Amino acid sequence: MRVLLLVPAATLLLSSAPARADVVEYACKVRATGETQDVKVEVELTVPTDAQVGKEMAIGWHGTYVEGSELRAPATGLVDDLNLYAYAGISGIEKLKSATGVAAIGPIIPDAPVPLPATTVNMKTTPSNAGTGTVRAASINFGTDSSDRAIECEVKNKDALTKHPLTIPGTGETTSPSPSPGETDETTSAGPSETGTKTKTPAGAADTGGGGEAGPDGRVLVGVGGLLVLASTTGLVLRRRRVVAGL
């Protein structure tokens, strides 16, 4: 007796389906000559599922040219030690806008396709906030370093690209501001109908704001001042009486 296992067709398709790649359309410019080219690259992104606040993460980039739409080196040639700089655009997570990766590429032959890395390029960044957002393919550049770009390629079909979900679990930021070592903050409230005031008090000292009640030392000074004024007034009165009596 044979037992037939019925497996939904959709399950078979999902288990064997390759990872989805986007065809990214680039407008590329050779900086030395000003020449522009339209280039198409199938880009596959690998988004991490274990990202954490405060820890560096890597987004994988793997690209292959669409046949007939390769980036070609200028006839004058390029230096041989070029790198590919790949970027990912990140949206929806505070203070996390992009990731960057670099990989060396093979020898450059004048007027021939510029090679792409055979292995996956790891685009790295470090999230400082938790949140949920999306990742998409962004620009690519070719040069000896990130600031010396021989060829720049900007995305033309940004809105058509897949937005891959990215989740950074947790809450808040990695660090929080702390008070300066030499002072502490105090927040006081005079009552339910009055507005609280905030004062900065040097550490180890008293708050010397001008609007409070006088302390014990203040009351002593006020008392001494009053006695001096009274003694001075009494002397003037006695002197005036002696002058009048002499007349």
C-alpha atoms as a PDB file:
ATOM      1  CA  MET A   1       0.000   0.000   0.000  1.00  0.00           C
ATOM      2  CA  ARG A   2       1.390   3.296  -1.059  1.00  0.00           C
ATOM      3  CA  VAL A   3       0.939   6.456   0.989  1.00  0.00           C
ATOM      4  CA  LEU A   4       0.834   9.678  -0.972  1.00  0.00           C
ATOM      5  CA  LEU A   5       2.082  12.796   0.763  1.00  0.00           C
ATOM      6  CA  LEU A   6       0.317  15.852  -0.513  1.00  0.00           C
ATOM      7  CA  VAL A   7       2.534  18.938  -0.314  1.00  0.00           C
ATOM      8  CA  PRO A   8       1.103  22.267  -1.459  1.00  0.00           C
ATOM      9  CA  ALA A   9       2.666  23.487  -4.671  1.00  0.00           C
ATOM     10  CA  ALA A  10       3.308  26.886  -3.128  1.00  0.00           C
ATOM     11  CA  THR A  11       5.540  25.297  -0.483  1.00  0.00           C
ATOM     12  CA  LEU A  12       7.659  23.578  -3.116  1.00  0.00           C
ATOM     13  CA  LEU A  13       8.044  26.808  -5.055  1.00  0.00           C
ATOM     14  CA  LEU A  14       9.057  28.795  -1.990  1.00  0.00           C
ATOM     15  CA  SER A  15      11.632  26.265  -0.855  1.00  0.00           C
ATOM     16  CA  SER A  16      13.335  26.181  -4.252  1.00  0.00           C
ATOM     17  CA  ALA A  17      12.922  29.801  -5.267  1.00  0.00           C
ATOM     18  CA  PRO A  18      16.209  31.746  -5.444  1.00  0.00           C
ATOM     19  CA  ALA A  19      16.672  34.955  -3.457  1.00  0.00           C
ATOM     20  CA  ARG A  20      15.084  37.880  -5.238  1.00  0.00           C
ATOM     21  CA  ALA A  21      17.425  40.237  -7.089  1.00  0.00           C
ATOM     22  CA  ASP A  22      16.607  43.727  -8.314  1.00  0.00           C
ATOM     23  CA  VAL A  23      17.686  45.092 -11.669  1.00  0.00           C
ATOM     24  CA  VAL A  24      19.231  48.400 -10.659  1.00  0.00           C
ATOM     25  CA  GLU A  25      19.543  50.983 -13.409  1.00  0.00           C
ATOM     26  CA  TYR A  26      22.575  53.224 -12.969  1.00  0.00           C
ATOM     27  CA  ALA A  27      23.661  56.441 -14.639  1.00  0.00           C
ATOM     28  CA  CYS A  28      27.457  56.207 -14.566  1.00  0.00           C
ATOM     29  CA  LYS A  29      29.946  58.998 -15.223  1.00  0.00           C
ATOM     30  CA  VAL A  30      33.678  58.693 -15.898  1.00  0.00           C
ATOM     31  CA  ARG A  31      35.122  61.695 -14.104  1.00  0.00           C
ATOM     32  CA  ALA A  32      38.303  61.975 -16.186  1.00  0.00           C
ATOM     33  CA  THR A  33      36.502  62.240 -19.533  1.00  0.00           C
ATOM     34  CA  GLY A  34      32.962  63.291 -18.569  1.00  0.00           C
ATOM     35  CA  GLU A  35      31.596  60.302 -20.504  1.00  0.00           C
ATOM     36  CA  THR A  36      28.254  58.934 -19.265  1.00  0.00           C
ATOM     37  CA  GLN A  37      26.840  55.418 -19.594  1.00  0.00           C
ATOM     38  CA  ASP A  38      23.566  53.699 -18.744  1.00  0.00           C
ATOM     39  CA  VAL A  39      24.316  50.497 -16.846  1.00  0.00           C
ATOM     40  CA  LYS A  40      22.103  47.725 -15.446  1.00  0.00           C
ATOM     41  CA  VAL A  41      23.160  45.442 -12.604  1.00  0.00           C
ATOM     42  CA  GLU A  42      21.240  42.608 -10.961  1.00  0.00           C
ATOM     43  CA  VAL A  43      21.763  43.294  -7.275  1.00  0.00           C
ATOM     44  CA  GLU A  44      20.982  40.844  -4.496  1.00  0.00           C
ATOM     45  CA  LEU A  45      20.941  42.211  -0.943  1.00  0.00           C
ATOM     46  CA  THR A  46      21.280  40.097   2.186  1.00  0.00           C
ATOM     47  CA  VAL A  47      19.823  41.878   5.228  1.00  0.00           C
ATOM     48  CA  PRO A  48      20.843  40.649   8.705  1.00  0.00           C
ATOM     49  CA  THR A  49      18.195  39.241  11.047  1.00  0.00           C
ATOM     50  CA  ASP A  50      20.301  39.542  14.199  1.00  0.00           C
ATOM     51  CA  ALA A  51      21.156  43.268  14.171  1.00  0.00           C
ATOM     52  CA  GLN A  52      21.638  44.925  17.565  1.00  0.00           C
ATOM     53  CA  VAL A  53      21.918  48.476  18.856  1.00  0.00           C
ATOM     54  CA  GLY A  54      25.547  49.524  19.268  1.00  0.00           C
ATOM     55  CA  LYS A  55      27.003  46.601  17.277  1.00  0.00           C
ATOM     56  CA  GLU A  56      28.348  46.740  13.740  1.00  0.00           C
ATOM     57  CA  MET A  57      26.187  44.902  11.217  1.00  0.00           C
ATOM     58  CA  ALA A  58      26.791  43.917   7.595  1.00  0.00           C
ATOM     59  CA  ILE A  59      24.379  44.053   4.648  1.00  0.00           C
ATOM     60  CA  GLY A  60      25.507  41.799   1.803  1.00  0.00           C
ATOM     61  CA  TRP A  61      25.730  43.146  -1.791  1.00  0.00           C
ATOM     62  CA  HIS A  62      26.206  40.869  -4.788  1.00  0.00           C
ATOM     63  CA  GLY A  63      25.909  42.193  -8.324  1.00  0.00           C
ATOM     64  CA  THR A  64      26.114  40.885 -11.876  1.00  0.00           C
ATOM     65  CA  TYR A  65      25.699  42.842 -15.076  1.00  0.00           C
ATOM     66  CA  VAL A  66      22.599  42.509 -17.220  1.00  0.00           C
ATOM     67  CA  GLU A  67      23.959  41.262 -20.541  1.00  0.00           C
ATOM     68  CA  GLY A  68      24.495  44.098 -22.981  1.00  0.00           C
ATOM     69  CA  SER A  69      24.327  46.791 -20.238  1.00  0.00           C
ATOM     70  CA  GLU A  70      27.820  46.517 -18.738  1.00  0.00           C
ATOM     71  CA  LEU A  71      29.924  49.428 -17.540  1.00  0.00           C
ATOM     72  CA  ARG A  72      32.848  49.784 -19.957  1.00  0.00           C
ATOM     73  CA  ALA A  73      36.228  51.252 -19.110  1.00  0.00           C
ATOM     74  CA  PRO A  74      37.254  54.301 -21.156  1.00  0.00           C
ATOM     75  CA  ALA A  75      39.543  53.734 -24.140  1.00  0.00           C
ATOM     76  CA  THR A  76      42.276  55.598 -22.288  1.00  0.00           C
ATOM     77  CA  GLY A  77      42.132  52.964 -19.542  1.00  0.00           C
ATOM     78  CA  LEU A  78      42.023  53.159 -15.753  1.00  0.00           C
ATOM     79  CA  VAL A  79      44.448  52.340 -12.974  1.00  0.00           C
ATOM     80  CA  ASP A  80      44.588  48.652 -12.075  1.00  0.00           C
ATOM     81  CA  ASP A  81      44.132  48.937  -8.300  1.00  0.00           C
ATOM     82  CA  LEU A  82      40.487  50.020  -8.412  1.00  0.00           C
ATOM     83  CA  ASN A  83      37.921  49.144  -5.755  1.00  0.00           C
ATOM     84  CA  LEU A  84      34.155  48.930  -5.922  1.00  0.00           C
ATOM     85  CA  TYR A  85      32.363  50.969  -3.254  1.00  0.00           C
ATOM     86  CA  ALA A  86      28.783  49.762  -2.731  1.00  0.00           C
ATOM     87  CA  TYR A  87      26.127  51.592  -0.742  1.00  0.00           C
ATOM     88  CA  ALA A  88      22.764  50.673   0.750  1.00  0.00           C
ATOM     89  CA  GLY A  89      20.082  53.225   1.554  1.00  0.00           C
ATOM     90  CA  ILE A  90      18.321  52.758   4.916  1.00  0.00           C
ATOM     91  CA  SER A  91      15.014  54.420   5.838  1.00  0.00           C
ATOM     92  CA  GLY A  92      12.802  54.486   8.916  1.00  0.00           C
ATOM     93  CA  ILE A  93      15.427  54.105  11.661  1.00  0.00           C
ATOM     94  CA  GLU A  94      16.650  57.243  13.408  1.00  0.00           C
ATOM     95  CA  LYS A  95      20.294  58.190  12.751  1.00  0.00           C
ATOM     96  CA  LEU A  96      20.781  55.236  10.405  1.00  0.00           C
ATOM     97  CA  LYS A  97      20.824  56.338   6.763  1.00  0.00           C
ATOM     98  CA  SER A  98      23.268  54.135   4.870  1.00  0.00           C
ATOM     99  CA  ALA A  99      25.808  51.325   4.886  1.00  0.00           C
ATOM    100  CA  THR A 100      29.069  51.145   2.920  1.00  0.00           C
ATOM    101  CA  GLY A 101      31.204  48.270   1.646  1.00  0.00           C
ATOM    102  CA  VAL A 102      34.398  47.989  -0.402  1.00  0.00           C
ATOM    103  CA  ALA A 103      35.972  45.204  -2.471  1.00  0.00           C
ATOM    104  CA  ALA A 104      38.894  45.032  -4.876  1.00  0.00           C
ATOM    105  CA  ILE A 105      38.145  44.291  -8.524  1.00  0.00           C
ATOM    106  CA  GLY A 106      40.202  42.610 -11.248  1.00  0.00           C
ATOM    107  CA  PRO A 107      42.454  44.148 -13.891  1.00  0.00           C
ATOM    108  CA  ILE A 108      40.944  46.925 -16.017  1.00  0.00           C
ATOM    109  CA  ILE A 109      41.122  46.493 -19.790  1.00  0.00           C
ATOM    110  CA  PRO A 110      40.528  49.659 -21.869  1.00  0.00           C
ATOM    111  CA  ASP A 111      37.157  49.701 -23.637  1.00  0.00           C
ATOM    112  CA  ALA A 112      36.135  46.422 -21.934  1.00  0.00           C
ATOM    113  CA  PRO A 113      33.567  45.809 -19.167  1.00  0.00           C
ATOM    114  CA  VAL A 114      34.725  46.905 -15.718  1.00  0.00           C
ATOM    115  CA  PRO A 115      34.644  43.724 -13.603  1.00  0.00           C
ATOM    116  CA  LEU A 116      32.410  43.390 -10.544  1.00  0.00           C
ATOM    117  CA  PRO A 117      33.517  41.517  -7.401  1.00  0.00           C
ATOM    118  CA  ALA A 118      32.932  37.769  -7.648  1.00  0.00           C
ATOM    119  CA  THR A 119      32.169  37.512  -3.928  1.00  0.00           C
ATOM    120  CA  THR A 120      29.629  39.282  -1.728  1.00  0.00           C
ATOM    121  CA  VAL A 121      30.527  42.797  -0.593  1.00  0.00           C
ATOM    122  CA  ASN A 122      29.744  43.469   3.077  1.00  0.00           C
ATOM    123  CA  MET A 123      28.269  46.934   3.532  1.00  0.00           C
ATOM    124  CA  LYS A 124      28.783  47.857   7.179  1.00  0.00           C
ATOM    125  CA  THR A 125      27.151  50.272   9.593  1.00  0.00           C
ATOM    126  CA  THR A 126      26.413  50.522  13.327  1.00  0.00           C
ATOM    127  CA  PRO A 127      22.877  51.370  14.499  1.00  0.00           C
ATOM    128  CA  SER A 128      22.648  53.641  17.543  1.00  0.00           C
ATOM    129  CA  ASN A 129      18.852  53.407  17.869  1.00  0.00           C
ATOM    130  CA  ALA A 130      16.294  50.628  17.872  1.00  0.00           C
ATOM    131  CA  GLY A 131      13.532  50.633  15.262  1.00  0.00           C
ATOM    132  CA  THR A 132      12.044  49.067  12.160  1.00  0.00           C
ATOM    133  CA  GLY A 133      12.909  50.265   8.679  1.00  0.00           C
ATOM    134  CA  THR A 134      13.807  49.214   5.150  1.00  0.00           C
ATOM    135  CA  VAL A 135      16.962  48.697   3.091  1.00  0.00           C
ATOM    136  CA  ARG A 136      17.401  49.179  -0.647  1.00  0.00           C
ATOM    137  CA  ALA A 137      20.257  49.144  -3.133  1.00  0.00           C
ATOM    138  CA  ALA A 138      21.939  52.517  -3.605  1.00  0.00           C
ATOM    139  CA  SER A 139      24.836  53.965  -5.606  1.00  0.00           C
ATOM    140  CA  ILE A 140      28.118  52.316  -6.522  1.00  0.00           C
ATOM    141  CA  ASN A 141      31.461  53.976  -7.204  1.00  0.00           C
ATOM    142  CA  PHE A 142      34.832  52.849  -8.543  1.00  0.00           C
ATOM    143  CA  GLY A 143      38.110  54.345  -7.358  1.00  0.00           C
ATOM    144  CA  THR A 144      41.332  53.934  -5.416  1.00  0.00           C
ATOM    145  CA  ASP A 145      39.571  55.116  -2.231  1.00  0.00           C
ATOM    146  CA  SER A 146      36.142  56.438  -1.261  1.00  0.00           C
ATOM    147  CA  SER A 147      37.118  60.075  -1.871  1.00  0.00           C
ATOM    148  CA  ASP A 148      39.050  59.480  -5.120  1.00  0.00           C
ATOM    149  CA  ARG A 149      36.329  58.207  -7.437  1.00  0.00           C
ATOM    150  CA  ALA A 150      37.159  57.417 -11.055  1.00  0.00           C
ATOM    151  CA  ILE A 151      33.581  56.388 -11.940  1.00  0.00           C
ATOM    152  CA  GLU A 152      30.370  57.360 -10.123  1.00  0.00           C
ATOM    153  CA  CYS A 153      27.087  55.499 -10.655  1.00  0.00           C
ATOM    154  CA  GLU A 154      23.800  56.895  -9.329  1.00  0.00           C
ATOM    155  CA  VAL A 155      20.531  54.929  -9.173  1.00  0.00           C
ATOM    156  CA  LYS A 156      17.920  55.921 -11.784  1.00  0.00           C
ATOM    157  CA  ASN A 157      15.020  53.653 -10.730  1.00  0.00           C
ATOM    158  CA  LYS A 158      15.105  54.153  -6.950  1.00  0.00           C
ATOM    159  CA  ASP A 159      11.317  53.984  -6.491  1.00  0.00           C
ATOM    160  CA  ALA A 160      11.098  50.636  -8.313  1.00  0.00           C
ATOM    161  CA  LEU A 161      13.588  48.829  -6.073  1.00  0.00           C
ATOM    162  CA  THR A 162      12.646  46.325  -3.397  1.00  0.00           C
ATOM    163  CA  LYS A 163      12.600  47.673   0.148  1.00  0.00           C
ATOM    164  CA  HIS A 164      13.894  44.881   2.353  1.00  0.00           C
ATOM    165  CA  PRO A 165      12.712  44.955   6.000  1.00  0.00           C
ATOM    166  CA  LEU A 166      15.275  45.626   8.725  1.00  0.00           C
ATOM    167  CA  THR A 167      14.581  45.411  12.460  1.00  0.00           C
ATOM    168  CA  ILE A 168      16.841  46.672  15.247  1.00  0.00           C
ATOM    169  CA  PRO A 169      15.325  45.294  18.485  1.00  0.00           C
ATOM    170  CA  GLY A 170      15.325  47.154  21.776  1.00  0.00           C
ATOM    171  CA  THR A 171      14.438  50.684  22.836  1.00  0.00           C
ATOM    172  CA  GLY A 172      16.204  54.016  23.010  1.00  0.00           C
ATOM    173  CA  GLU A 173      19.807  54.940  22.256  1.00  0.00           C
ATOM    174  CA  THR A 174      23.053  53.298  23.302  1.00  0.00           C
ATOM    175  CA  THR A 175      24.121  56.192  25.523  1.00  0.00           C
ATOM    176  CA  SER A 176      22.401  58.928  27.505  1.00  0.00           C
ATOM    177  CA  PRO A 177      23.774  62.338  28.484  1.00  0.00           C
ATOM    178  CA  SER A 178      25.163  62.717  32.028  1.00  0.00           C
ATOM    179  CA  PRO A 179      25.673  65.839  34.164  1.00  0.00           C
ATOM    180  CA  SER A 180      29.008  67.660  34.140  1.00  0.00           C
ATOM    181  CA  PRO A 181      31.346  66.555  36.957  1.00  0.00           C
ATOM    182  CA  GLY A 182      31.411  70.012  38.534  1.00  0.00           C
ATOM    183  CA  GLU A 183      27.702  70.642  38.866  1.00  0.00           C
ATOM    184  CA  THR A 184      24.394  68.927  39.538  1.00  0.00           C
ATOM    185  CA  ASP A 185      20.903  69.751  38.371  1.00  0.00           C
ATOM    186  CA  GLU A 186      18.072  70.346  40.812  1.00  0.00           C
ATOM    187  CA  THR A 187      14.425  70.720  39.852  1.00  0.00           C
ATOM    188  CA  THR A 188      12.151  72.302  42.457  1.00  0.00           C
ATOM    189  CA  SER A 189       8.461  73.082  42.493  1.00  0.00           C
ATOM    190  CA  ALA A 190       6.926  75.732  44.776  1.00  0.00           C
ATOM    191  CA  GLY A 191       3.452  74.198  44.706  1.00  0.00           C
ATOM    192  CA  PRO A 192       0.713  72.897  42.437  1.00  0.00           C
ATOM    193  CA  SER A 193      -0.178  76.357  41.096  1.00  0.00           C
ATOM    194  CA  GLU A 194       3.393  77.581  40.468  1.00  0.00           C
ATOM    195  CA  THR A 195       5.890  76.717  37.769  1.00  0.00           C
ATOM    196  CA  GLY A 196       8.919  74.695  38.788  1.00  0.00           C
ATOM    197  CA  THR A 197      12.346  76.253  38.304  1.00  0.00           C
ATOM    198  CA  LYS A 198      15.604  74.570  37.385  1.00  0.00           C
ATOM    199  CA  THR A 199      18.862  75.756  38.884  1.00  0.00           C
ATOM    200  CA  LYS A 200      22.453  74.657  38.369  1.00  0.00           C
ATOM    201  CA  THR A 201      24.241  74.218  41.686  1.00  0.00           C
ATOM    202  CA  PRO A 202      28.028  73.804  41.935  1.00  0.00           C
ATOM    203  CA  ALA A 203      28.800  70.420  43.490  1.00  0.00           C
ATOM    204  CA  GLY A 204      29.323  70.652  47.257  1.00  0.00           C
ATOM    205  CA  ALA A 205      28.040  74.241  47.542  1.00  0.00           C
ATOM    206  CA  ALA A 206      24.759  75.944  48.344  1.00  0.00           C
ATOM    207  CA  ASP A 207      22.346  77.317  45.776  1.00  0.00           C
ATOM    208  CA  THR A 208      22.876  81.091  45.828  1.00  0.00           C
ATOM    209  CA  GLY A 209      19.902  82.239  43.821  1.00  0.00           C
ATOM    210  CA  GLY A 210      18.682  85.793  44.555  1.00  0.00           C
ATOM    211  CA  GLY A 211      14.999  85.018  44.889  1.00  0.00           C
ATOM    212  CA  GLY A 212      14.974  82.752  47.980  1.00  0.00           C
ATOM    213  CA  GLU A 213      14.587  83.475  51.721  1.00  0.00           C
ATOM    214  CA  ALA A 214      17.620  84.731  53.691  1.00  0.00           C
ATOM    215  CA  GLY A 215      19.349  82.038  55.723  1.00  0.00           C
ATOM    216  CA  PRO A 216      20.710  82.291  59.279  1.00  0.00           C
ATOM    217  CA  ASP A 217      23.732  84.354  58.200  1.00  0.00           C
ATOM    218  CA  GLY A 218      21.520  86.764  56.327  1.00  0.00           C
ATOM    219  CA  ARG A 219      19.292  87.356  59.349  1.00  0.00           C
ATOM    220  CA  VAL A 220      22.340  88.224  61.547  1.00  0.00           C
ATOM    221  CA  LEU A 221      23.528  90.806  59.021  1.00  0.00           C
ATOM    222  CA  VAL A 222      20.092  92.377  58.821  1.00  0.00           C
ATOM    223  CA  GLY A 223      19.913  92.615  62.682  1.00  0.00           C
ATOM    224  CA  VAL A 224      23.350  94.252  62.991  1.00  0.00           C
ATOM    225  CA  GLY A 225      22.492  96.753  60.283  1.00  0.00           C
ATOM    226  CA  GLY A 226      19.292  97.723  62.129  1.00  0.00           C
ATOM    227  CA  LEU A 227      21.179  98.370  65.392  1.00  0.00           C
ATOM    228  CA  LEU A 228      23.690 100.616  63.633  1.00  0.00           C
ATOM    229  CA  VAL A 229      20.930 102.683  62.047  1.00  0.00           C
ATOM    230  CA  LEU A 230      19.121 103.016  65.425  1.00  0.00           C
ATOM    231  CA  ALA A 231      22.306 104.126  67.254  1.00  0.00           C
ATOM    232  CA  SER A 232      23.086 106.687  64.619  1.00  0.00           C
ATOM    233  CA  THR A 233      19.562 108.158  64.788  1.00  0.00           C
ATOM    234  CA  THR A 234      19.639 108.375  68.632  1.00  0.00           C
ATOM    235  CA  GLY A 235      22.949 110.279  68.549  1.00  0.00           C
ATOM    236  CA  LEU A 236      21.565 112.858  66.151  1.00  0.00           C
ATOM    237  CA  VAL A 237      18.506 113.449  68.360  1.00  0.00           C
ATOM    238  CA  LEU A 238      20.626 113.964  71.557  1.00  0.00           C
ATOM    239  CA  ARG A 239      22.969 116.354  69.777  1.00  0.00           C
ATOM    240  CA  ARG A 240      20.046 118.462  68.542  1.00  0.00           C
ATOM    241  CA  ARG A 241      18.624 118.756  72.090  1.00  0.00           C
ATOM    242  CA  ARG A 242      21.969 120.008  73.436  1.00  0.00           C
ATOM    243  CA  VAL A 243      22.182 122.663  70.743  1.00  0.00           C
ATOM    244  CA  VAL A 244      18.662 123.900  71.542  1.00  0.00           C
ATOM    245  CA  ALA A 245      19.384 123.965  75.302  1.00  0.00           C
ATOM    246  CA  GLY A 246      22.518 126.083  74.732  1.00  0.00           C
ATOM    247  CA  LEU A 247      20.418 128.715  72.962  1.00  0.00           C
END
